[in-house]
Amino acid sequence: MGYAHENKKGTTYYLNCKDVTLKSTGRVQRIYYFSKDQRDTACDLPGGKTVVENDKTGLPFLKGK
């Protein structure tokens, strides 16, 4: 089980991560995203990051400290 965040509207979002290869450089980079359902790609909150919500929509996103 990974990191779960409940927003101000009461909806629970789950943090997921995935390694993607960038087309321009071929470098592998890890991306993080939230989903409403639990998936196999669930991961824990990375160090140095905090969860912030969009004021209008309540959607969570990661932000560096």
C-alpha atoms as a PDB file:
ATOM      1  CA  MET A   1       0.000   0.000   0.000  1.00  0.00           C
ATOM      2  CA  GLY A   2       1.305   3.447  -0.858  1.00  0.00           C
ATOM      3  CA  TYR A   3       0.631   6.958   0.328  1.00  0.00           C
ATOM      4  CA  ALA A   4      -3.023   8.072   0.566  1.00  0.00           C
ATOM      5  CA  HIS A   5      -4.247  11.671   0.872  1.00  0.00           C
ATOM      6  CA  GLU A   6      -7.754  12.848   1.723  1.00  0.00           C
ATOM      7  CA  ASN A   7      -8.509  16.271   0.266  1.00  0.00           C
ATOM      8  CA  LYS A   8     -10.692  19.019   1.738  1.00  0.00           C
ATOM      9  CA  LYS A   9     -13.751  17.610  -0.082  1.00  0.00           C
ATOM     10  CA  GLY A  10     -13.311  14.192   1.529  1.00  0.00           C
ATOM     11  CA  THR A  11     -12.082  12.340  -1.584  1.00  0.00           C
ATOM     12  CA  THR A  12      -9.154   9.961  -1.086  1.00  0.00           C
ATOM     13  CA  TYR A  13      -6.335  10.014  -3.642  1.00  0.00           C
ATOM     14  CA  TYR A  14      -3.491   7.474  -3.885  1.00  0.00           C
ATOM     15  CA  LEU A  15       0.061   8.343  -4.919  1.00  0.00           C
ATOM     16  CA  ASN A  16       1.506   6.363  -7.836  1.00  0.00           C
ATOM     17  CA  CYS A  17       4.887   6.459  -9.553  1.00  0.00           C
ATOM     18  CA  LYS A  18       6.238   5.258 -12.859  1.00  0.00           C
ATOM     19  CA  ASP A  19       9.614   5.325 -14.611  1.00  0.00           C
ATOM     20  CA  VAL A  20       9.386   6.819 -18.100  1.00  0.00           C
ATOM     21  CA  THR A  21      12.017   7.241 -20.809  1.00  0.00           C
ATOM     22  CA  LEU A  22      12.269  10.762 -22.209  1.00  0.00           C
ATOM     23  CA  LYS A  23      12.174  10.844 -26.009  1.00  0.00           C
ATOM     24  CA  SER A  24      14.539  13.775 -26.413  1.00  0.00           C
ATOM     25  CA  THR A  25      17.433  12.490 -24.292  1.00  0.00           C
ATOM     26  CA  GLY A  26      16.630   8.835 -23.620  1.00  0.00           C
ATOM     27  CA  ARG A  27      17.030   9.517 -19.892  1.00  0.00           C
ATOM     28  CA  VAL A  28      14.826   7.589 -17.463  1.00  0.00           C
ATOM     29  CA  GLN A  29      12.840   9.801 -15.102  1.00  0.00           C
ATOM     30  CA  ARG A  30      10.399   8.883 -12.337  1.00  0.00           C
ATOM     31  CA  ILE A  31       7.025  10.614 -12.448  1.00  0.00           C
ATOM     32  CA  TYR A  32       4.489  10.810  -9.620  1.00  0.00           C
ATOM     33  CA  TYR A  33       0.726  11.138 -10.008  1.00  0.00           C
ATOM     34  CA  PHE A  34      -2.430  10.731  -7.941  1.00  0.00           C
ATOM     35  CA  SER A  35      -5.419   8.505  -8.738  1.00  0.00           C
ATOM     36  CA  LYS A  36      -8.760   7.905  -7.070  1.00  0.00           C
ATOM     37  CA  ASP A  37      -8.296   4.126  -7.138  1.00  0.00           C
ATOM     38  CA  GLN A  38      -5.541   1.920  -5.734  1.00  0.00           C
ATOM     39  CA  ARG A  39      -3.159   0.582  -8.387  1.00  0.00           C
ATOM     40  CA  ASP A  40      -0.161  -1.719  -8.650  1.00  0.00           C
ATOM     41  CA  THR A  41       2.066   1.342  -9.164  1.00  0.00           C
ATOM     42  CA  ALA A  42       1.404   2.677  -5.633  1.00  0.00           C
ATOM     43  CA  CYS A  43       4.397   4.234  -3.892  1.00  0.00           C
ATOM     44  CA  ASP A  44       5.309   6.106  -0.731  1.00  0.00           C
ATOM     45  CA  LEU A  45       5.763   9.856  -0.443  1.00  0.00           C
ATOM     46  CA  PRO A  46       9.286  10.706  -1.672  1.00  0.00           C
ATOM     47  CA  GLY A  47      11.651  12.485   0.683  1.00  0.00           C
ATOM     48  CA  GLY A  48      11.777  16.252   0.348  1.00  0.00           C
ATOM     49  CA  LYS A  49       8.266  16.506  -1.126  1.00  0.00           C
ATOM     50  CA  THR A  50       4.979  17.668   0.378  1.00  0.00           C
ATOM     51  CA  VAL A  51       1.405  17.288  -0.813  1.00  0.00           C
ATOM     52  CA  VAL A  52      -0.441  20.490  -1.766  1.00  0.00           C
ATOM     53  CA  GLU A  53      -4.041  20.831  -2.986  1.00  0.00           C
ATOM     54  CA  ASN A  54      -5.331  22.999  -5.794  1.00  0.00           C
ATOM     55  CA  ASP A  55      -7.579  25.598  -4.132  1.00  0.00           C
ATOM     56  CA  LYS A  56     -10.305  25.448  -6.799  1.00  0.00           C
ATOM     57  CA  THR A  57     -10.469  21.740  -7.644  1.00  0.00           C
ATOM     58  CA  GLY A  58      -9.034  20.065  -4.547  1.00  0.00           C
ATOM     59  CA  LEU A  59      -6.693  17.924  -6.668  1.00  0.00           C
ATOM     60  CA  PRO A  60      -3.462  17.035  -4.848  1.00  0.00           C
ATOM     61  CA  PHE A  61       0.024  17.413  -6.318  1.00  0.00           C
ATOM     62  CA  LEU A  62       3.593  17.097  -5.060  1.00  0.00           C
ATOM     63  CA  LYS A  63       5.742  20.100  -4.305  1.00  0.00           C
ATOM     64  CA  GLY A  64       9.366  20.308  -3.220  1.00  0.00           C
ATOM     65  CA  LYS A  65      10.074  21.749   0.206  1.00  0.00           C
END
